[in-house]
N, C-alpha and C. Protein backbone atom coordinates (compact mmCIF):
# COMPACT_ATOMS: atom_id res chain seq x y z
N THR A 1 127.79 219.59 240.15
CA THR A 1 129.17 219.17 239.99
C THR A 1 129.53 218.46 239.00
N ALA A 2 130.68 218.60 238.37
CA ALA A 2 130.88 217.31 237.47
C ALA A 2 132.04 216.88 237.86
N GLY A 3 131.62 215.38 238.00
CA GLY A 3 132.38 214.44 239.08
C GLY A 3 133.02 213.36 237.43
N LEU A 4 133.48 211.81 237.94
CA LEU A 4 133.71 211.10 237.19
C LEU A 4 132.48 210.26 236.80
N MET A 5 131.24 210.35 236.87
CA MET A 5 130.33 209.91 236.99
C MET A 5 129.13 210.48 235.73
N ASP A 6 129.09 209.87 234.88
CA ASP A 6 128.10 210.73 234.10
C ASP A 6 126.34 210.96 234.66
N ALA A 7 126.00 211.91 234.43
CA ALA A 7 124.97 212.33 234.65
C ALA A 7 123.63 213.11 234.11
N ALA A 8 122.53 213.12 233.96
CA ALA A 8 121.85 213.27 233.20
C ALA A 8 121.35 214.82 232.61
N LEU A 9 121.54 215.32 231.85
CA LEU A 9 121.43 216.76 231.53
C LEU A 9 120.60 217.52 232.36
N SER A 10 121.15 218.57 232.90
CA SER A 10 120.15 219.92 233.79
C SER A 10 118.74 219.60 233.19
N PRO A 11 117.76 219.94 234.44
CA PRO A 11 116.38 220.25 233.58
C PRO A 11 116.06 221.04 233.18
N GLU A 12 117.09 221.96 233.01
CA GLU A 12 116.60 223.06 231.48
C GLU A 12 117.20 222.56 231.06
N ASP A 13 118.15 221.74 229.99
CA ASP A 13 118.48 221.11 228.51
C ASP A 13 117.26 220.22 228.73
N GLN A 14 117.04 219.68 229.66
CA GLN A 14 115.66 218.64 228.84
C GLN A 14 114.66 218.79 228.96
N ALA A 15 114.15 220.47 229.38
CA ALA A 15 112.79 220.70 228.78
C ALA A 15 113.35 221.33 227.59
N VAL A 16 114.33 221.96 227.46
CA VAL A 16 114.79 222.09 226.06
C VAL A 16 114.48 221.20 224.69
N VAL A 17 114.74 219.68 225.30
CA VAL A 17 114.63 218.84 224.56
C VAL A 17 113.67 218.40 224.18
N ARG A 18 112.61 218.31 225.36
CA ARG A 18 111.30 217.75 224.98
C ARG A 18 110.63 218.73 224.22
N LYS A 19 110.91 220.45 224.61
CA LYS A 19 110.21 221.01 223.80
C LYS A 19 110.18 220.76 221.82
N SER A 20 111.51 220.72 221.78
CA SER A 20 112.10 220.09 220.62
C SER A 20 111.01 219.01 219.99
N LEU A 21 111.40 218.15 220.78
CA LEU A 21 110.56 216.80 220.39
C LEU A 21 108.62 217.41 220.31
N GLN A 22 108.46 218.22 221.38
CA GLN A 22 106.99 219.02 221.26
C GLN A 22 106.23 218.93 220.09
N GLU A 23 107.36 219.89 219.24
CA GLU A 23 107.11 220.39 217.89
C GLU A 23 106.59 218.99 216.77
N HIS A 24 106.89 218.18 217.16
CA HIS A 24 107.03 217.11 215.95
C HIS A 24 105.95 216.09 216.51
N VAL A 25 105.47 216.43 217.71
CA VAL A 25 104.04 215.46 218.03
C VAL A 25 103.04 215.79 217.15
N ARG A 26 103.07 215.42 216.07
CA ARG A 26 101.26 215.68 214.97
C ARG A 26 101.99 214.49 214.11
N ASP A 27 100.88 214.45 213.53
CA ASP A 27 100.27 213.67 212.26
C ASP A 27 100.93 212.14 212.71
N GLY A 28 100.77 211.97 213.84
CA GLY A 28 100.75 210.65 214.49
C GLY A 28 102.05 210.34 215.18
N VAL A 29 102.82 210.74 215.21
CA VAL A 29 104.32 210.70 215.52
C VAL A 29 104.62 211.24 217.05
N SER A 30 104.91 209.78 217.44
CA SER A 30 104.96 209.85 219.37
C SER A 30 106.43 209.88 219.43
N PHE A 31 107.17 210.05 220.70
CA PHE A 31 108.60 209.00 221.02
C PHE A 31 108.60 208.57 222.67
N HIS A 32 109.84 207.86 222.80
CA HIS A 32 109.97 207.30 223.94
C HIS A 32 111.07 207.12 223.78
N ALA A 33 111.49 206.43 224.66
CA ALA A 33 113.06 206.04 225.30
C ALA A 33 113.95 207.37 225.28
N LEU A 34 113.48 208.38 226.00
CA LEU A 34 114.15 209.62 225.85
C LEU A 34 115.11 209.54 227.05
N ARG A 35 116.63 209.36 226.75
CA ARG A 35 117.75 209.28 227.46
C ARG A 35 118.95 210.35 227.39
N THR A 36 119.05 210.87 228.52
CA THR A 36 119.70 211.97 227.85
C THR A 36 121.47 212.23 229.16
N ARG A 37 122.50 212.91 228.97
CA ARG A 37 123.58 212.13 229.76
C ARG A 37 124.68 213.25 229.46
N GLN A 38 125.37 213.24 230.48
CA GLN A 38 126.60 214.72 230.04
C GLN A 38 127.45 213.69 230.78
N SER A 39 128.63 214.01 230.07
CA SER A 39 129.98 213.31 230.54
C SER A 39 130.78 214.51 230.42
N GLY A 40 131.59 214.85 231.69
CA GLY A 40 132.17 215.72 231.35
C GLY A 40 131.86 217.15 230.54
N ALA A 41 132.47 218.07 229.49
CA ALA A 41 131.59 218.69 228.81
C ALA A 41 130.67 218.25 227.66
N HIS A 42 131.15 216.87 227.41
CA HIS A 42 130.00 216.65 226.34
C HIS A 42 128.39 215.90 226.88
N LYS A 43 127.17 216.23 225.58
CA LYS A 43 126.28 216.20 226.38
C LYS A 43 125.58 215.16 224.68
N PHE A 44 124.66 214.57 225.58
CA PHE A 44 124.29 213.22 224.79
C PHE A 44 122.76 213.03 224.70
N VAL A 45 121.68 213.09 223.74
CA VAL A 45 120.61 212.82 223.85
C VAL A 45 120.28 211.80 222.82
N SER A 46 119.44 210.63 223.28
CA SER A 46 119.05 209.73 222.51
C SER A 46 117.27 209.18 222.62
N VAL A 47 116.77 208.88 221.23
CA VAL A 47 115.60 209.46 221.59
C VAL A 47 115.10 208.32 220.49
N HIS A 48 113.87 207.47 220.75
CA HIS A 48 112.98 206.42 219.59
C HIS A 48 111.88 207.77 219.31
N ALA A 49 111.66 207.48 217.99
CA ALA A 49 110.56 208.48 216.74
C ALA A 49 109.99 207.18 216.67
N MET A 50 108.45 207.07 216.61
CA MET A 50 107.69 206.22 216.68
C MET A 50 107.02 207.09 215.74
N VAL A 51 106.64 206.33 214.26
CA VAL A 51 105.72 207.19 213.23
C VAL A 51 105.23 205.51 212.51
N PRO A 52 103.86 206.64 211.84
CA PRO A 52 102.68 205.24 211.44
C PRO A 52 103.51 204.53 210.20
N GLY A 53 103.22 203.28 210.35
CA GLY A 53 103.26 202.32 209.61
C GLY A 53 103.63 202.54 208.23
N ASP A 54 102.80 203.72 207.29
CA ASP A 54 102.37 203.91 205.90
C ASP A 54 103.73 204.86 205.65
N TRP A 55 104.26 205.65 206.65
CA TRP A 55 105.06 206.30 206.16
C TRP A 55 106.27 205.60 205.45
N THR A 56 106.81 206.54 204.68
CA THR A 56 107.94 206.26 203.77
C THR A 56 109.54 206.49 204.36
N ALA A 57 110.45 205.26 204.05
CA ALA A 57 111.86 206.07 204.74
C ALA A 57 111.67 206.94 204.29
N ARG A 58 112.06 208.00 203.08
CA ARG A 58 112.31 209.48 203.06
C ARG A 58 111.76 210.06 204.34
N ARG A 59 109.93 210.06 204.04
CA ARG A 59 109.97 211.05 204.85
C ARG A 59 110.22 211.04 206.38
N SER A 60 110.07 209.42 206.89
CA SER A 60 110.46 208.99 207.93
C SER A 60 112.17 210.14 208.70
N HIS A 61 112.94 209.62 207.52
CA HIS A 61 114.20 210.06 207.70
C HIS A 61 114.40 211.50 207.59
N GLN A 62 113.75 212.42 207.04
CA GLN A 62 113.60 213.65 206.77
C GLN A 62 113.36 214.12 208.14
N LEU A 63 112.20 213.33 208.98
CA LEU A 63 111.37 213.88 210.33
C LEU A 63 112.73 213.78 211.27
N LEU A 64 113.67 212.82 211.26
CA LEU A 64 114.53 212.04 212.13
C LEU A 64 115.91 213.48 211.77
N LYS A 65 116.11 214.22 211.05
CA LYS A 65 116.70 214.86 210.32
C LYS A 65 116.40 216.61 210.86
N ARG A 66 114.86 216.48 210.84
CA ARG A 66 114.62 218.04 210.96
C ARG A 66 114.53 217.77 213.13
N ILE A 67 114.30 216.73 213.59
CA ILE A 67 114.50 216.60 215.03
C ILE A 67 116.09 216.80 215.48
N GLU A 68 116.82 216.17 215.01
CA GLU A 68 118.21 216.52 215.30
C GLU A 68 118.96 217.74 214.77
N SER A 69 118.17 218.28 214.07
CA SER A 69 118.54 220.00 213.58
C SER A 69 117.80 220.64 214.66
N ASP A 70 116.57 220.54 215.11
CA ASP A 70 115.93 221.18 215.87
C ASP A 70 117.03 221.31 217.65
N ILE A 71 117.15 220.14 217.71
CA ILE A 71 117.43 219.82 219.16
C ILE A 71 119.08 220.96 218.82
N HIS A 72 119.88 220.69 217.78
CA HIS A 72 120.98 221.26 217.65
C HIS A 72 121.29 222.47 217.65
N GLN A 73 120.28 222.89 217.21
CA GLN A 73 119.76 224.77 217.31
C GLN A 73 120.11 225.28 218.71
N SER A 74 118.80 224.18 219.52
CA SER A 74 118.67 224.72 220.90
C SER A 74 119.87 224.41 221.89
N LEU A 75 120.26 223.62 221.59
CA LEU A 75 121.31 223.01 222.37
C LEU A 75 122.62 222.64 221.19
N PRO A 76 123.61 223.67 221.05
CA PRO A 76 124.66 223.19 219.65
C PRO A 76 125.64 222.09 220.21
N GLU A 77 125.92 222.36 221.27
CA GLU A 77 127.35 221.72 222.13
C GLU A 77 126.37 219.69 222.39
N VAL A 78 125.36 219.51 221.75
CA VAL A 78 124.48 217.90 222.24
C VAL A 78 124.98 217.01 220.83
N THR A 79 125.15 215.63 220.95
CA THR A 79 124.99 214.71 220.31
C THR A 79 123.73 214.06 220.33
N VAL A 80 123.42 214.09 219.00
CA VAL A 80 121.80 213.15 219.22
C VAL A 80 121.98 212.07 218.67
N LEU A 81 121.34 211.00 219.39
CA LEU A 81 120.97 209.86 218.97
C LEU A 81 119.68 209.99 218.50
N THR A 82 119.46 209.25 217.23
CA THR A 82 117.54 209.42 216.68
C THR A 82 117.07 207.63 216.72
N HIS A 83 116.41 206.66 217.46
CA HIS A 83 115.82 205.55 216.33
C HIS A 83 114.85 205.72 216.09
N LEU A 84 114.42 205.42 214.55
CA LEU A 84 112.94 205.23 214.12
C LEU A 84 112.42 203.52 214.21
N GLU A 85 111.00 204.03 214.36
CA GLU A 85 110.27 202.68 214.93
C GLU A 85 108.94 202.97 214.54
N PRO A 86 108.29 201.85 213.70
CA PRO A 86 106.70 201.97 213.19
C PRO A 86 105.72 202.00 214.45
N LEU A 87 105.07 202.81 214.89
CA LEU A 87 104.43 203.18 215.56
C LEU A 87 102.98 201.98 215.78
N ASP A 88 102.72 200.92 214.68
CA ASP A 88 101.82 199.99 214.57
C ASP A 88 102.35 198.77 214.98
N GLU A 89 103.65 198.51 215.27
CA GLU A 89 104.65 197.23 215.38
C GLU A 89 103.67 196.99 216.80
N PRO A 90 103.77 195.64 217.17
CA PRO A 90 103.34 195.80 218.76
C PRO A 90 104.69 196.14 219.67
N VAL A 91 105.80 195.67 219.21
CA VAL A 91 106.86 195.36 220.02
C VAL A 91 107.31 196.88 220.17
N ALA A 92 106.99 197.73 219.32
CA ALA A 92 107.15 199.35 219.64
C ALA A 92 106.03 199.90 220.90
N GLY A 93 104.87 199.62 220.84
CA GLY A 93 104.33 199.47 221.83
C GLY A 93 104.33 198.83 223.35
N ALA A 94 104.85 197.91 223.09
CA ALA A 94 105.33 197.46 224.36
C ALA A 94 106.49 197.90 225.27
N GLU A 95 107.57 198.35 223.97
CA GLU A 95 108.77 198.35 224.79
C GLU A 95 108.25 199.92 225.04
N GLN A 96 106.97 201.15 224.66
CA GLN A 96 107.09 201.97 225.11
C GLN A 96 106.44 201.97 226.74
N ALA A 97 105.60 201.24 226.80
CA ALA A 97 105.13 200.77 227.84
C ALA A 97 105.87 200.34 229.13
N SER A 98 107.13 199.30 228.63
CA SER A 98 107.87 199.15 229.60
C SER A 98 108.90 200.52 230.18
N THR A 99 108.83 201.48 229.02
CA THR A 99 110.15 202.62 228.64
C THR A 99 109.05 203.61 230.00
N GLU A 100 108.04 203.60 230.06
CA GLU A 100 107.56 204.67 230.93
C GLU A 100 107.31 204.04 232.36
N GLU A 101 107.13 202.43 232.37
CA GLU A 101 107.33 202.23 233.65
C GLU A 101 108.98 202.44 234.34
N ARG A 102 109.89 202.52 233.08
CA ARG A 102 111.40 203.05 234.02
C ARG A 102 111.53 204.14 234.01
N ARG A 103 110.53 205.12 233.58
CA ARG A 103 110.75 206.30 233.43
C ARG A 103 111.76 207.13 234.74
N PRO A 104 111.95 206.74 235.98
CA PRO A 104 112.74 207.43 236.79
C PRO A 104 114.14 207.35 236.29
N GLY A 105 114.51 205.85 235.78
CA GLY A 105 115.97 205.73 235.47
C GLY A 105 115.92 207.35 234.36
N VAL A 106 115.54 207.22 233.23
CA VAL A 106 115.35 208.04 232.53
C VAL A 106 115.71 209.39 232.81
N GLU A 107 115.15 210.36 233.69
CA GLU A 107 115.17 211.27 234.67
C GLU A 107 116.34 211.16 235.13
N THR A 108 117.02 210.62 235.93
CA THR A 108 118.28 210.83 236.40
C THR A 108 119.12 210.34 236.07
N GLY A 109 119.51 209.89 234.80
CA GLY A 109 120.05 209.33 233.99
C GLY A 109 121.41 208.18 234.18
N GLN A 110 120.53 207.58 235.33
CA GLN A 110 121.20 206.32 235.47
C GLN A 110 121.03 205.11 234.67
N PRO A 111 121.89 204.26 234.29
CA PRO A 111 121.85 203.44 233.34
C PRO A 111 120.57 202.01 234.12
N ASN A 112 120.13 201.48 233.21
CA ASN A 112 119.07 200.65 233.95
C ASN A 112 119.89 198.97 233.52
N PRO A 113 119.72 198.60 234.12
CA PRO A 113 120.57 197.62 234.29
C PRO A 113 119.84 196.33 232.85
N GLU A 114 118.66 196.30 232.67
CA GLU A 114 118.01 195.48 231.47
C GLU A 114 118.89 195.63 230.29
N GLU A 115 119.01 197.16 230.03
CA GLU A 115 119.72 197.74 228.55
C GLU A 115 121.05 198.02 228.42
N THR A 116 121.82 197.41 230.20
CA THR A 116 123.13 197.80 229.82
C THR A 116 123.69 196.03 230.22
N LYS A 117 123.17 195.45 229.72
CA LYS A 117 123.17 193.86 229.57
C LYS A 117 123.83 193.21 228.12
N GLY A 118 124.84 192.89 228.63
CA GLY A 118 125.47 192.36 227.31
C GLY A 118 124.30 191.59 226.62
N PRO A 119 125.35 190.28 225.88
CA PRO A 119 124.26 189.11 225.11
C PRO A 119 124.55 188.00 226.07
N SER A 120 122.94 187.34 226.14
CA SER A 120 123.35 186.03 227.15
C SER A 120 123.97 185.06 226.52
N LYS A 121 124.70 184.42 227.35
CA LYS A 121 125.21 183.42 226.88
C LYS A 121 124.42 182.14 227.30
N PRO A 122 124.43 181.04 226.07
CA PRO A 122 123.21 180.03 226.38
C PRO A 122 124.68 178.94 226.82
N SER A 123 122.90 178.26 227.82
CA SER A 123 123.30 177.48 229.39
C SER A 123 124.16 176.03 228.22
């Protein structure tokens, strides 16, 4: 039922996205912060790719292009946004843990209030 509110992609579309990502889980690559939404006829996917810190920018960029292409081949009407992080950064690991704790919000497509807050104003 399409309404005025954005919603997560269908479970079938989410499975297609996860399958596309799974194809790239090798050589130390992992993913987190997967978010999907549909607004009217428009579909959106956002995901963070974590790669080994010794990868070159070229190799990392090629990976992101392949991921985006793979998702587009399975879901041609989707807009894909990828974000790259080095796997060996402590911040990346901490964010991954906090993302896993918030997993229900990712599944439902509901925004996490902490992620939608604007910048804090100094007191």
